[in-house]
Amino acid sequence: MKIRYFGHSCFKITLDSGIRIVTDPFDQTVGYPLPDTEADIVTSSHSHFDHNYFKAVRGDFKIVNTPGQHDIDGVHIKGISTFHDDEHGAKRGKNIVFVINADNIKVCHAGDLGHILTDDMLKEIGDIDVLMIPVGGYYTIDDRQAVKVIEQLKPKLTIAMHYRTSNVNLPIETVDNFLRMAGGQKIQSNEIEIKKDDLEGKSEVIALNYK
């Protein structure tokens, strides 16, 4: 499995089979270059412009943007209903956490999660290997809450997302304090390759380069 970061909450997951999954594509107003890629599956955690701009992606892809079980092209995706804020959606509505089960690896994309997970949500998500988690605060959980969610889910690899960079002028924080708190590091590459065996026994936190 290869994971490439385009910025914000947008990743491209390329499976060993060649199937390509793009998460939360954004529009040009976010500040990053639009993802220049094709996909077979596109997930969207909620219907805000910076997470559901499907026009940024090429190809005859299938959209997954609802809670529940989804089986597409041999890939199992589970959507868990959560909230975009800590007031049960009163401020910003609902959010979907997706768990993608492929290549014997469970990847959890938390979307714009706005709160600590409840016990019921934790049961629905289950055991995961890789966690993509927002850390910038304001619209989502902040660095301290993100560390708490990592403690709840216990992933083997955590990848930070949805934070401020030189491309983004949103009122969110940079990734630096989160990495200090979580004992993580910045990776210069915008892509990593992972295998199930490589993840065993690990508890690593990183931020990928979006360029």
N, C-alpha and C. Protein backbone atom coordinates (compact mmCIF):
# COMPACT_ATOMS: atom_id res chain seq x y z
N MET A 1 0.84 -1.19 0.00
CA MET A 1 0.00 0.00 0.00
C MET A 1 0.88 1.25 0.00
N LYS A 2 0.53 2.20 -0.88
CA LYS A 2 1.22 3.49 -0.89
C LYS A 2 0.23 4.58 -0.47
N ILE A 3 0.72 5.52 0.32
CA ILE A 3 -0.10 6.64 0.77
C ILE A 3 0.59 7.93 0.36
N ARG A 4 -0.10 8.74 -0.42
CA ARG A 4 0.43 10.05 -0.86
C ARG A 4 -0.42 11.16 -0.28
N TYR A 5 0.22 12.22 0.18
CA TYR A 5 -0.48 13.35 0.80
C TYR A 5 -0.52 14.54 -0.16
N PHE A 6 -1.73 15.04 -0.41
CA PHE A 6 -1.91 16.22 -1.27
C PHE A 6 -2.09 17.50 -0.46
N GLY A 7 -2.19 17.38 0.86
CA GLY A 7 -2.46 18.54 1.71
C GLY A 7 -3.86 18.47 2.29
N HIS A 8 -4.08 19.28 3.35
CA HIS A 8 -5.35 19.35 4.06
C HIS A 8 -5.73 17.95 4.55
N SER A 9 -6.87 17.39 4.11
CA SER A 9 -7.26 16.03 4.52
C SER A 9 -7.28 15.06 3.35
N CYS A 10 -6.59 15.43 2.29
CA CYS A 10 -6.65 14.67 1.04
C CYS A 10 -5.43 13.77 0.88
N PHE A 11 -5.70 12.48 0.79
CA PHE A 11 -4.67 11.48 0.55
C PHE A 11 -5.07 10.62 -0.65
N LYS A 12 -4.08 10.02 -1.28
CA LYS A 12 -4.32 8.99 -2.28
C LYS A 12 -3.72 7.70 -1.76
N ILE A 13 -4.57 6.69 -1.61
CA ILE A 13 -4.13 5.38 -1.16
C ILE A 13 -4.14 4.45 -2.37
N THR A 14 -2.97 3.96 -2.73
CA THR A 14 -2.86 3.05 -3.86
C THR A 14 -2.60 1.65 -3.34
N LEU A 15 -3.51 0.74 -3.62
CA LEU A 15 -3.42 -0.62 -3.11
C LEU A 15 -2.51 -1.47 -3.99
N ASP A 16 -2.11 -2.60 -3.45
CA ASP A 16 -1.26 -3.52 -4.21
C ASP A 16 -1.93 -3.97 -5.50
N SER A 17 -3.26 -3.99 -5.50
CA SER A 17 -4.02 -4.39 -6.70
C SER A 17 -4.06 -3.30 -7.76
N GLY A 18 -3.64 -2.09 -7.40
CA GLY A 18 -3.71 -0.96 -8.32
C GLY A 18 -4.91 -0.05 -8.09
N ILE A 19 -5.85 -0.49 -7.26
CA ILE A 19 -7.02 0.33 -6.93
C ILE A 19 -6.55 1.60 -6.22
N ARG A 20 -7.13 2.75 -6.64
CA ARG A 20 -6.74 4.04 -6.09
C ARG A 20 -7.92 4.67 -5.34
N ILE A 21 -7.66 5.05 -4.09
CA ILE A 21 -8.67 5.67 -3.25
C ILE A 21 -8.20 7.07 -2.88
N VAL A 22 -9.04 8.08 -3.14
CA VAL A 22 -8.72 9.45 -2.77
C VAL A 22 -9.69 9.88 -1.66
N THR A 23 -9.15 10.53 -0.62
CA THR A 23 -9.97 10.97 0.51
C THR A 23 -10.14 12.48 0.50
N ASP A 24 -11.33 12.94 0.79
CA ASP A 24 -11.64 14.36 1.05
C ASP A 24 -10.96 15.34 0.09
N PRO A 25 -11.27 15.29 -1.21
CA PRO A 25 -10.66 16.25 -2.14
C PRO A 25 -11.16 17.68 -1.89
N PHE A 26 -10.27 18.65 -2.03
CA PHE A 26 -10.59 20.06 -1.73
C PHE A 26 -10.63 20.88 -3.01
N ASP A 27 -11.22 22.08 -2.90
CA ASP A 27 -11.23 22.99 -4.05
C ASP A 27 -10.06 23.97 -3.96
N GLN A 28 -9.93 24.82 -4.97
CA GLN A 28 -8.75 25.67 -5.10
C GLN A 28 -8.67 26.75 -4.02
N THR A 29 -9.76 27.06 -3.35
CA THR A 29 -9.72 28.13 -2.35
C THR A 29 -8.96 27.73 -1.09
N VAL A 30 -8.71 26.43 -0.89
CA VAL A 30 -7.98 25.98 0.30
C VAL A 30 -6.53 26.49 0.25
N GLY A 31 -5.94 26.52 -0.94
CA GLY A 31 -4.59 27.04 -1.07
C GLY A 31 -3.58 26.07 -1.64
N TYR A 32 -3.83 24.78 -1.52
CA TYR A 32 -2.93 23.79 -2.09
C TYR A 32 -3.24 23.60 -3.59
N PRO A 33 -2.25 23.16 -4.37
CA PRO A 33 -2.57 22.76 -5.74
C PRO A 33 -3.61 21.63 -5.72
N LEU A 34 -4.53 21.66 -6.65
CA LEU A 34 -5.54 20.60 -6.68
C LEU A 34 -4.88 19.25 -6.95
N PRO A 35 -5.42 18.18 -6.35
CA PRO A 35 -4.86 16.86 -6.61
C PRO A 35 -4.91 16.53 -8.10
N ASP A 36 -3.77 16.25 -8.68
CA ASP A 36 -3.70 15.91 -10.09
C ASP A 36 -3.61 14.39 -10.19
N THR A 37 -4.76 13.74 -10.10
CA THR A 37 -4.73 12.28 -10.03
C THR A 37 -6.05 11.68 -10.45
N GLU A 38 -6.00 10.42 -10.81
CA GLU A 38 -7.20 9.63 -11.07
C GLU A 38 -7.51 8.79 -9.85
N ALA A 39 -8.76 8.33 -9.77
CA ALA A 39 -9.16 7.48 -8.65
C ALA A 39 -10.21 6.49 -9.10
N ASP A 40 -10.32 5.41 -8.34
CA ASP A 40 -11.38 4.43 -8.53
C ASP A 40 -12.47 4.60 -7.48
N ILE A 41 -12.05 5.10 -6.31
CA ILE A 41 -12.96 5.36 -5.19
C ILE A 41 -12.59 6.70 -4.59
N VAL A 42 -13.59 7.53 -4.27
CA VAL A 42 -13.35 8.79 -3.57
C VAL A 42 -14.24 8.84 -2.34
N THR A 43 -13.64 9.04 -1.17
CA THR A 43 -14.42 9.18 0.06
C THR A 43 -14.52 10.66 0.44
N SER A 44 -15.65 11.02 1.04
CA SER A 44 -15.86 12.39 1.52
C SER A 44 -16.50 12.33 2.89
N SER A 45 -15.82 12.90 3.88
CA SER A 45 -16.29 12.80 5.26
C SER A 45 -17.48 13.69 5.56
N HIS A 46 -17.64 14.76 4.79
CA HIS A 46 -18.79 15.66 4.96
C HIS A 46 -18.83 16.61 3.77
N SER A 47 -19.94 17.33 3.64
CA SER A 47 -20.20 18.08 2.41
C SER A 47 -19.74 19.53 2.47
N HIS A 48 -18.54 19.78 2.98
CA HIS A 48 -17.95 21.11 2.93
C HIS A 48 -16.96 21.19 1.76
N PHE A 49 -16.79 22.40 1.22
CA PHE A 49 -16.03 22.60 -0.01
C PHE A 49 -14.60 22.07 0.05
N ASP A 50 -14.04 22.02 1.24
CA ASP A 50 -12.65 21.58 1.37
C ASP A 50 -12.53 20.08 1.63
N HIS A 51 -13.65 19.36 1.44
CA HIS A 51 -13.63 17.90 1.66
C HIS A 51 -14.47 17.14 0.64
N ASN A 52 -15.12 17.82 -0.29
CA ASN A 52 -15.99 17.10 -1.23
C ASN A 52 -15.92 17.66 -2.65
N TYR A 53 -14.77 18.20 -3.03
CA TYR A 53 -14.65 18.76 -4.38
C TYR A 53 -14.25 17.65 -5.35
N PHE A 54 -15.24 16.90 -5.77
CA PHE A 54 -15.00 15.72 -6.60
C PHE A 54 -14.43 16.08 -7.98
N LYS A 55 -14.67 17.30 -8.44
CA LYS A 55 -14.16 17.72 -9.75
C LYS A 55 -12.64 17.77 -9.79
N ALA A 56 -12.00 17.75 -8.61
CA ALA A 56 -10.54 17.79 -8.57
C ALA A 56 -9.93 16.45 -8.97
N VAL A 57 -10.75 15.40 -9.03
CA VAL A 57 -10.26 14.05 -9.28
C VAL A 57 -10.75 13.57 -10.63
N ARG A 58 -9.88 12.90 -11.37
CA ARG A 58 -10.23 12.37 -12.68
C ARG A 58 -10.63 10.90 -12.59
N GLY A 59 -11.37 10.45 -13.58
CA GLY A 59 -11.70 9.03 -13.67
C GLY A 59 -13.16 8.74 -13.40
N ASP A 60 -13.54 7.51 -13.69
CA ASP A 60 -14.92 7.05 -13.47
C ASP A 60 -14.98 6.40 -12.08
N PHE A 61 -14.88 7.24 -11.05
CA PHE A 61 -14.76 6.73 -9.68
C PHE A 61 -16.13 6.63 -9.01
N LYS A 62 -16.16 5.82 -7.97
CA LYS A 62 -17.35 5.68 -7.13
C LYS A 62 -17.16 6.53 -5.87
N ILE A 63 -18.22 7.23 -5.49
CA ILE A 63 -18.17 8.12 -4.33
C ILE A 63 -18.73 7.41 -3.11
N VAL A 64 -18.01 7.50 -2.00
CA VAL A 64 -18.46 6.95 -0.72
C VAL A 64 -18.57 8.12 0.25
N ASN A 65 -19.78 8.49 0.60
CA ASN A 65 -19.98 9.66 1.47
C ASN A 65 -21.14 9.46 2.46
N THR A 66 -21.36 8.21 2.82
CA THR A 66 -22.42 7.90 3.78
C THR A 66 -21.91 6.89 4.81
N PRO A 67 -22.49 6.91 6.01
CA PRO A 67 -22.13 5.89 7.00
C PRO A 67 -22.58 4.51 6.54
N GLY A 68 -22.05 3.48 7.18
CA GLY A 68 -22.46 2.12 6.87
C GLY A 68 -21.38 1.34 6.15
N GLN A 69 -21.75 0.18 5.63
CA GLN A 69 -20.82 -0.74 4.99
C GLN A 69 -20.81 -0.52 3.48
N HIS A 70 -19.62 -0.48 2.91
CA HIS A 70 -19.47 -0.29 1.47
C HIS A 70 -18.43 -1.29 0.96
N ASP A 71 -18.80 -2.05 -0.06
CA ASP A 71 -17.86 -2.98 -0.69
C ASP A 71 -17.74 -2.61 -2.16
N ILE A 72 -16.54 -2.13 -2.53
CA ILE A 72 -16.31 -1.63 -3.89
C ILE A 72 -14.98 -2.17 -4.40
N ASP A 73 -15.01 -2.82 -5.54
CA ASP A 73 -13.79 -3.30 -6.19
C ASP A 73 -12.92 -4.13 -5.24
N GLY A 74 -13.57 -4.92 -4.40
CA GLY A 74 -12.84 -5.75 -3.47
C GLY A 74 -12.32 -5.03 -2.24
N VAL A 75 -12.70 -3.78 -2.08
CA VAL A 75 -12.27 -2.98 -0.92
C VAL A 75 -13.47 -2.81 0.01
N HIS A 76 -13.25 -3.09 1.29
CA HIS A 76 -14.32 -2.89 2.28
C HIS A 76 -14.09 -1.57 3.00
N ILE A 77 -15.11 -0.72 2.98
CA ILE A 77 -15.05 0.59 3.63
C ILE A 77 -16.23 0.71 4.58
N LYS A 78 -15.94 1.07 5.82
CA LYS A 78 -16.99 1.27 6.81
C LYS A 78 -17.03 2.73 7.22
N GLY A 79 -18.21 3.33 7.17
CA GLY A 79 -18.38 4.71 7.60
C GLY A 79 -19.05 4.78 8.96
N ILE A 80 -18.44 5.51 9.87
CA ILE A 80 -18.97 5.66 11.23
C ILE A 80 -19.39 7.10 11.44
N SER A 81 -20.64 7.31 11.82
CA SER A 81 -21.16 8.66 12.00
C SER A 81 -20.61 9.30 13.27
N THR A 82 -20.02 10.48 13.12
CA THR A 82 -19.51 11.26 14.24
C THR A 82 -19.96 12.71 14.04
N PHE A 83 -19.33 13.64 14.75
CA PHE A 83 -19.73 15.05 14.64
C PHE A 83 -18.54 15.94 14.31
N HIS A 84 -18.86 17.06 13.66
CA HIS A 84 -17.87 18.04 13.21
C HIS A 84 -17.52 19.02 14.35
N ASP A 85 -18.15 18.86 15.49
CA ASP A 85 -17.91 19.75 16.62
C ASP A 85 -18.15 18.98 17.91
N ASP A 86 -17.97 19.66 19.04
CA ASP A 86 -18.15 19.00 20.33
C ASP A 86 -19.52 19.28 20.95
N GLU A 87 -20.48 19.69 20.10
CA GLU A 87 -21.85 19.93 20.55
C GLU A 87 -22.85 19.10 19.75
N HIS A 88 -22.46 17.86 19.46
CA HIS A 88 -23.31 16.92 18.73
C HIS A 88 -23.81 17.47 17.40
N GLY A 89 -22.92 18.21 16.72
CA GLY A 89 -23.24 18.71 15.39
C GLY A 89 -23.97 20.03 15.36
N ALA A 90 -24.22 20.64 16.50
CA ALA A 90 -24.99 21.89 16.53
C ALA A 90 -24.28 23.02 15.80
N LYS A 91 -22.96 23.01 15.81
CA LYS A 91 -22.19 24.08 15.15
C LYS A 91 -21.94 23.80 13.68
N ARG A 92 -21.47 22.59 13.37
CA ARG A 92 -21.00 22.31 12.01
C ARG A 92 -21.55 21.03 11.40
N GLY A 93 -22.46 20.38 12.08
CA GLY A 93 -23.07 19.20 11.51
C GLY A 93 -22.32 17.91 11.77
N LYS A 94 -22.59 16.93 10.94
CA LYS A 94 -22.02 15.59 11.14
C LYS A 94 -20.73 15.39 10.36
N ASN A 95 -20.01 14.36 10.74
CA ASN A 95 -18.76 13.97 10.11
C ASN A 95 -18.73 12.45 10.04
N ILE A 96 -18.10 11.92 9.01
CA ILE A 96 -17.98 10.47 8.89
C ILE A 96 -16.52 10.06 9.01
N VAL A 97 -16.25 9.15 9.93
CA VAL A 97 -14.94 8.51 10.03
C VAL A 97 -14.99 7.25 9.17
N PHE A 98 -14.06 7.12 8.25
CA PHE A 98 -14.02 5.95 7.38
C PHE A 98 -12.89 5.02 7.76
N VAL A 99 -13.20 3.72 7.81
CA VAL A 99 -12.19 2.69 8.00
C VAL A 99 -12.10 1.89 6.70
N ILE A 100 -10.94 1.97 6.07
CA ILE A 100 -10.70 1.29 4.80
C ILE A 100 -9.89 0.03 5.08
N ASN A 101 -10.45 -1.12 4.71
CA ASN A 101 -9.80 -2.40 4.98
C ASN A 101 -9.32 -2.99 3.66
N ALA A 102 -8.00 -2.93 3.45
CA ALA A 102 -7.43 -3.43 2.20
C ALA A 102 -5.96 -3.77 2.41
N ASP A 103 -5.44 -4.69 1.61
CA ASP A 103 -4.04 -5.13 1.73
C ASP A 103 -3.73 -5.61 3.14
N ASN A 104 -4.74 -6.13 3.83
CA ASN A 104 -4.58 -6.63 5.19
C ASN A 104 -4.20 -5.51 6.17
N ILE A 105 -4.54 -4.28 5.79
CA ILE A 105 -4.26 -3.10 6.62
C ILE A 105 -5.56 -2.32 6.79
N LYS A 106 -5.83 -1.87 8.01
CA LYS A 106 -7.01 -1.05 8.28
C LYS A 106 -6.58 0.40 8.45
N VAL A 107 -7.02 1.23 7.50
CA VAL A 107 -6.70 2.66 7.51
C VAL A 107 -7.92 3.44 7.95
N CYS A 108 -7.77 4.26 8.96
CA CYS A 108 -8.87 5.06 9.49
C CYS A 108 -8.64 6.53 9.14
N HIS A 109 -9.54 7.10 8.35
CA HIS A 109 -9.49 8.53 8.01
C HIS A 109 -10.57 9.23 8.83
N ALA A 110 -10.14 10.12 9.73
CA ALA A 110 -11.07 10.69 10.71
C ALA A 110 -11.85 11.90 10.20
N GLY A 111 -11.59 12.34 8.97
CA GLY A 111 -12.32 13.50 8.45
C GLY A 111 -12.12 14.72 9.32
N ASP A 112 -13.19 15.49 9.49
CA ASP A 112 -13.14 16.68 10.35
C ASP A 112 -13.72 16.35 11.73
N LEU A 113 -13.17 15.34 12.35
CA LEU A 113 -13.62 14.96 13.68
C LEU A 113 -13.51 16.14 14.64
N GLY A 114 -14.60 16.39 15.39
CA GLY A 114 -14.62 17.55 16.26
C GLY A 114 -14.69 17.25 17.74
N HIS A 115 -14.45 16.01 18.13
CA HIS A 115 -14.62 15.64 19.54
C HIS A 115 -13.87 14.35 19.85
N ILE A 116 -13.71 14.09 21.13
CA ILE A 116 -13.16 12.81 21.57
C ILE A 116 -14.19 11.73 21.26
N LEU A 117 -13.73 10.55 20.90
CA LEU A 117 -14.64 9.47 20.52
C LEU A 117 -15.35 8.87 21.72
N THR A 118 -16.61 8.52 21.53
CA THR A 118 -17.37 7.83 22.57
C THR A 118 -17.03 6.34 22.54
N ASP A 119 -17.44 5.63 23.58
CA ASP A 119 -17.19 4.18 23.63
C ASP A 119 -17.87 3.46 22.47
N ASP A 120 -19.09 3.89 22.13
CA ASP A 120 -19.80 3.26 21.01
C ASP A 120 -19.07 3.49 19.69
N MET A 121 -18.56 4.69 19.49
CA MET A 121 -17.81 4.99 18.27
C MET A 121 -16.54 4.17 18.20
N LEU A 122 -15.86 4.04 19.33
CA LEU A 122 -14.64 3.25 19.37
C LEU A 122 -14.92 1.79 19.00
N LYS A 123 -16.04 1.25 19.48
CA LYS A 123 -16.40 -0.13 19.14
C LYS A 123 -16.68 -0.26 17.65
N GLU A 124 -17.35 0.74 17.07
CA GLU A 124 -17.66 0.69 15.64
C GLU A 124 -16.39 0.78 14.79
N ILE A 125 -15.46 1.62 15.21
CA ILE A 125 -14.21 1.77 14.45
C ILE A 125 -13.37 0.51 14.58
N GLY A 126 -13.26 -0.01 15.79
CA GLY A 126 -12.51 -1.24 16.02
C GLY A 126 -11.01 -1.03 15.97
N ASP A 127 -10.29 -2.13 15.85
CA ASP A 127 -8.83 -2.08 15.78
C ASP A 127 -8.39 -1.52 14.43
N ILE A 128 -7.43 -0.62 14.45
CA ILE A 128 -6.93 -0.04 13.20
C ILE A 128 -5.40 -0.09 13.19
N ASP A 129 -4.84 0.05 12.00
CA ASP A 129 -3.39 0.06 11.84
C ASP A 129 -2.87 1.48 11.59
N VAL A 130 -3.55 2.21 10.72
CA VAL A 130 -3.12 3.56 10.33
C VAL A 130 -4.24 4.55 10.61
N LEU A 131 -3.89 5.67 11.23
CA LEU A 131 -4.86 6.72 11.55
C LEU A 131 -4.45 8.02 10.88
N MET A 132 -5.36 8.60 10.11
CA MET A 132 -5.18 9.94 9.55
C MET A 132 -6.07 10.88 10.37
N ILE A 133 -5.45 11.82 11.09
CA ILE A 133 -6.20 12.57 12.09
C ILE A 133 -5.97 14.07 11.97
N PRO A 134 -7.05 14.87 12.06
CA PRO A 134 -6.88 16.33 12.05
C PRO A 134 -6.28 16.81 13.36
N VAL A 135 -5.41 17.82 13.28
CA VAL A 135 -4.71 18.29 14.48
C VAL A 135 -4.73 19.81 14.64
N GLY A 136 -5.31 20.53 13.69
CA GLY A 136 -5.17 21.99 13.66
C GLY A 136 -6.11 22.76 14.55
N GLY A 137 -7.15 22.12 15.07
CA GLY A 137 -8.10 22.83 15.93
C GLY A 137 -9.03 23.76 15.16
N TYR A 138 -9.81 24.53 15.88
CA TYR A 138 -10.79 25.50 15.40
C TYR A 138 -11.97 24.82 14.71
N TYR A 139 -11.74 24.19 13.56
CA TYR A 139 -12.82 23.46 12.88
C TYR A 139 -12.89 22.00 13.33
N THR A 140 -11.82 21.52 13.93
CA THR A 140 -11.70 20.10 14.28
C THR A 140 -11.10 19.98 15.68
N ILE A 141 -10.81 18.76 16.08
CA ILE A 141 -10.06 18.58 17.32
C ILE A 141 -8.70 19.26 17.19
N ASP A 142 -8.14 19.67 18.33
CA ASP A 142 -6.83 20.32 18.33
C ASP A 142 -5.75 19.30 18.66
N ASP A 143 -4.54 19.81 18.87
CA ASP A 143 -3.41 18.91 19.10
C ASP A 143 -3.59 18.04 20.34
N ARG A 144 -4.07 18.63 21.44
CA ARG A 144 -4.26 17.86 22.67
C ARG A 144 -5.34 16.79 22.50
N GLN A 145 -6.44 17.16 21.86
CA GLN A 145 -7.51 16.19 21.64
C GLN A 145 -7.05 15.09 20.68
N ALA A 146 -6.25 15.46 19.69
CA ALA A 146 -5.74 14.46 18.74
C ALA A 146 -4.89 13.42 19.46
N VAL A 147 -4.05 13.88 20.39
CA VAL A 147 -3.24 12.94 21.18
C VAL A 147 -4.16 12.01 21.97
N LYS A 148 -5.25 12.54 22.50
CA LYS A 148 -6.20 11.72 23.25
C LYS A 148 -6.85 10.67 22.35
N VAL A 149 -7.24 11.06 21.14
CA VAL A 149 -7.86 10.11 20.21
C VAL A 149 -6.87 9.02 19.81
N ILE A 150 -5.60 9.40 19.65
CA ILE A 150 -4.57 8.39 19.37
C ILE A 150 -4.49 7.39 20.51
N GLU A 151 -4.56 7.89 21.74
CA GLU A 151 -4.55 6.99 22.91
C GLU A 151 -5.78 6.09 22.91
N GLN A 152 -6.92 6.61 22.43
CA GLN A 152 -8.13 5.80 22.37
C GLN A 152 -8.03 4.69 21.33
N LEU A 153 -7.52 5.01 20.15
CA LEU A 153 -7.53 4.08 19.02
C LEU A 153 -6.28 3.20 18.94
N LYS A 154 -5.19 3.68 19.48
CA LYS A 154 -3.93 2.92 19.51
C LYS A 154 -3.49 2.43 18.12
N PRO A 155 -3.40 3.31 17.14
CA PRO A 155 -2.91 2.90 15.83
C PRO A 155 -1.41 2.62 15.86
N LYS A 156 -0.96 1.88 14.87
CA LYS A 156 0.47 1.61 14.76
C LYS A 156 1.19 2.78 14.06
N LEU A 157 0.48 3.44 13.16
CA LEU A 157 1.01 4.61 12.46
C LEU A 157 -0.05 5.69 12.44
N THR A 158 0.33 6.90 12.86
CA THR A 158 -0.58 8.05 12.82
C THR A 158 -0.01 9.08 11.85
N ILE A 159 -0.87 9.58 10.95
CA ILE A 159 -0.47 10.61 9.99
C ILE A 159 -1.31 11.85 10.26
N ALA A 160 -0.65 12.97 10.55
CA ALA A 160 -1.35 14.22 10.84
C ALA A 160 -1.93 14.83 9.57
N MET A 161 -3.04 15.53 9.70
CA MET A 161 -3.65 16.24 8.58
C MET A 161 -4.43 17.45 9.10
N HIS A 162 -4.92 18.26 8.16
CA HIS A 162 -5.78 19.41 8.46
C HIS A 162 -5.12 20.38 9.44
N TYR A 163 -3.98 20.90 9.03
CA TYR A 163 -3.24 21.88 9.82
C TYR A 163 -2.75 23.00 8.90
N ARG A 164 -2.34 24.10 9.49
CA ARG A 164 -1.91 25.27 8.72
C ARG A 164 -0.49 25.09 8.19
N THR A 165 -0.31 25.48 6.93
CA THR A 165 1.00 25.51 6.28
C THR A 165 1.15 26.85 5.56
N SER A 166 2.24 27.02 4.85
CA SER A 166 2.44 28.27 4.10
C SER A 166 1.43 28.43 2.97
N ASN A 167 0.77 27.35 2.57
CA ASN A 167 -0.25 27.41 1.53
C ASN A 167 -1.63 27.76 2.06
N VAL A 168 -1.83 27.62 3.37
CA VAL A 168 -3.17 27.69 3.94
C VAL A 168 -3.29 28.88 4.89
N ASN A 169 -4.36 29.66 4.71
CA ASN A 169 -4.57 30.83 5.54
C ASN A 169 -5.77 30.65 6.48
N LEU A 170 -6.18 29.42 6.70
CA LEU A 170 -7.29 29.16 7.60
C LEU A 170 -6.85 29.37 9.06
N PRO A 171 -7.80 29.67 9.96
CA PRO A 171 -7.44 29.93 11.37
C PRO A 171 -7.20 28.65 12.16
N ILE A 172 -6.25 27.85 11.67
CA ILE A 172 -5.91 26.59 12.34
C ILE A 172 -4.42 26.61 12.66
N GLU A 173 -4.00 25.73 13.55
CA GLU A 173 -2.61 25.71 14.01
C GLU A 173 -1.73 24.87 13.08
N THR A 174 -0.44 25.10 13.16
CA THR A 174 0.51 24.27 12.42
C THR A 174 0.60 22.90 13.08
N VAL A 175 1.35 22.02 12.47
CA VAL A 175 1.49 20.65 12.97
C VAL A 175 2.56 20.54 14.07
N ASP A 176 3.35 21.59 14.25
CA ASP A 176 4.55 21.49 15.09
C ASP A 176 4.27 21.10 16.53
N ASN A 177 3.31 21.76 17.16
CA ASN A 177 3.04 21.45 18.57
C ASN A 177 2.48 20.04 18.73
N PHE A 178 1.64 19.64 17.79
CA PHE A 178 1.12 18.26 17.84
C PHE A 178 2.26 17.25 17.79
N LEU A 179 3.21 17.46 16.89
CA LEU A 179 4.32 16.52 16.76
C LEU A 179 5.16 16.49 18.04
N ARG A 180 5.34 17.65 18.67
CA ARG A 180 6.08 17.67 19.93
C ARG A 180 5.35 16.87 21.01
N MET A 181 4.04 17.08 21.09
CA MET A 181 3.26 16.39 22.11
C MET A 181 3.19 14.89 21.87
N ALA A 182 3.12 14.50 20.59
CA ALA A 182 2.95 13.09 20.24
C ALA A 182 4.27 12.37 20.01
N GLY A 183 5.38 13.10 20.09
CA GLY A 183 6.67 12.48 19.83
C GLY A 183 6.83 12.09 18.37
N GLY A 184 6.26 12.90 17.47
CA GLY A 184 6.30 12.58 16.05
C GLY A 184 7.37 13.33 15.30
N GLN A 185 7.41 13.11 14.00
CA GLN A 185 8.41 13.75 13.15
C GLN A 185 7.84 14.08 11.78
N LYS A 186 8.46 15.07 11.13
CA LYS A 186 8.10 15.42 9.77
C LYS A 186 8.89 14.56 8.80
N ILE A 187 8.19 14.09 7.76
CA ILE A 187 8.81 13.30 6.70
C ILE A 187 8.91 14.19 5.46
N GLN A 188 10.07 14.24 4.83
CA GLN A 188 10.27 15.13 3.68
C GLN A 188 9.50 14.69 2.44
N SER A 189 9.24 13.41 2.33
CA SER A 189 8.52 12.90 1.16
C SER A 189 7.02 13.10 1.33
N ASN A 190 6.31 13.21 0.20
CA ASN A 190 4.85 13.29 0.24
C ASN A 190 4.20 11.92 0.11
N GLU A 191 5.01 10.87 0.07
CA GLU A 191 4.47 9.52 -0.10
C GLU A 191 5.26 8.51 0.72
N ILE A 192 4.55 7.57 1.28
CA ILE A 192 5.19 6.45 1.98
C ILE A 192 4.58 5.15 1.48
N GLU A 193 5.32 4.09 1.63
CA GLU A 193 4.83 2.75 1.31
C GLU A 193 4.84 1.94 2.58
N ILE A 194 3.75 1.27 2.87
CA ILE A 194 3.66 0.49 4.10
C ILE A 194 3.19 -0.93 3.80
N LYS A 195 3.65 -1.83 4.63
CA LYS A 195 3.21 -3.22 4.58
C LYS A 195 2.79 -3.64 5.99
N LYS A 196 1.89 -4.58 6.07
CA LYS A 196 1.37 -5.03 7.35
C LYS A 196 2.49 -5.43 8.31
N ASP A 197 3.44 -6.20 7.82
CA ASP A 197 4.52 -6.69 8.68
C ASP A 197 5.37 -5.55 9.23
N ASP A 198 5.52 -4.49 8.43
CA ASP A 198 6.34 -3.36 8.87
C ASP A 198 5.71 -2.59 10.01
N LEU A 199 4.38 -2.70 10.15
CA LEU A 199 3.67 -1.94 11.17
C LEU A 199 3.66 -2.62 12.53
N GLU A 200 3.90 -3.91 12.54
CA GLU A 200 3.76 -4.66 13.78
C GLU A 200 4.73 -4.16 14.86
N GLY A 201 4.19 -3.97 16.04
CA GLY A 201 5.00 -3.56 17.18
C GLY A 201 5.39 -2.10 17.19
N LYS A 202 4.82 -1.32 16.28
CA LYS A 202 5.17 0.09 16.18
C LYS A 202 4.10 1.00 16.76
N SER A 203 4.50 2.21 17.08
CA SER A 203 3.57 3.28 17.46
C SER A 203 4.22 4.58 17.02
N GLU A 204 4.07 4.87 15.73
CA GLU A 204 4.79 5.98 15.10
C GLU A 204 3.83 7.09 14.70
N VAL A 205 4.28 8.34 14.82
CA VAL A 205 3.49 9.51 14.44
C VAL A 205 4.30 10.35 13.46
N ILE A 206 3.70 10.69 12.33
CA ILE A 206 4.41 11.47 11.32
C ILE A 206 3.51 12.54 10.70
N ALA A 207 4.17 13.49 10.04
CA ALA A 207 3.50 14.44 9.14
C ALA A 207 4.21 14.36 7.81
N LEU A 208 3.46 14.12 6.75
CA LEU A 208 4.04 14.02 5.42
C LEU A 208 4.16 15.40 4.78
N ASN A 209 5.12 15.55 3.88
CA ASN A 209 5.23 16.75 3.07
C ASN A 209 4.12 16.71 2.01
N TYR A 210 3.47 17.83 1.77
CA TYR A 210 2.38 17.85 0.78
C TYR A 210 2.88 18.20 -0.61
N LYS A 211 4.14 18.54 -0.77
CA LYS A 211 4.64 19.00 -2.08
C LYS A 211 5.14 17.83 -2.90
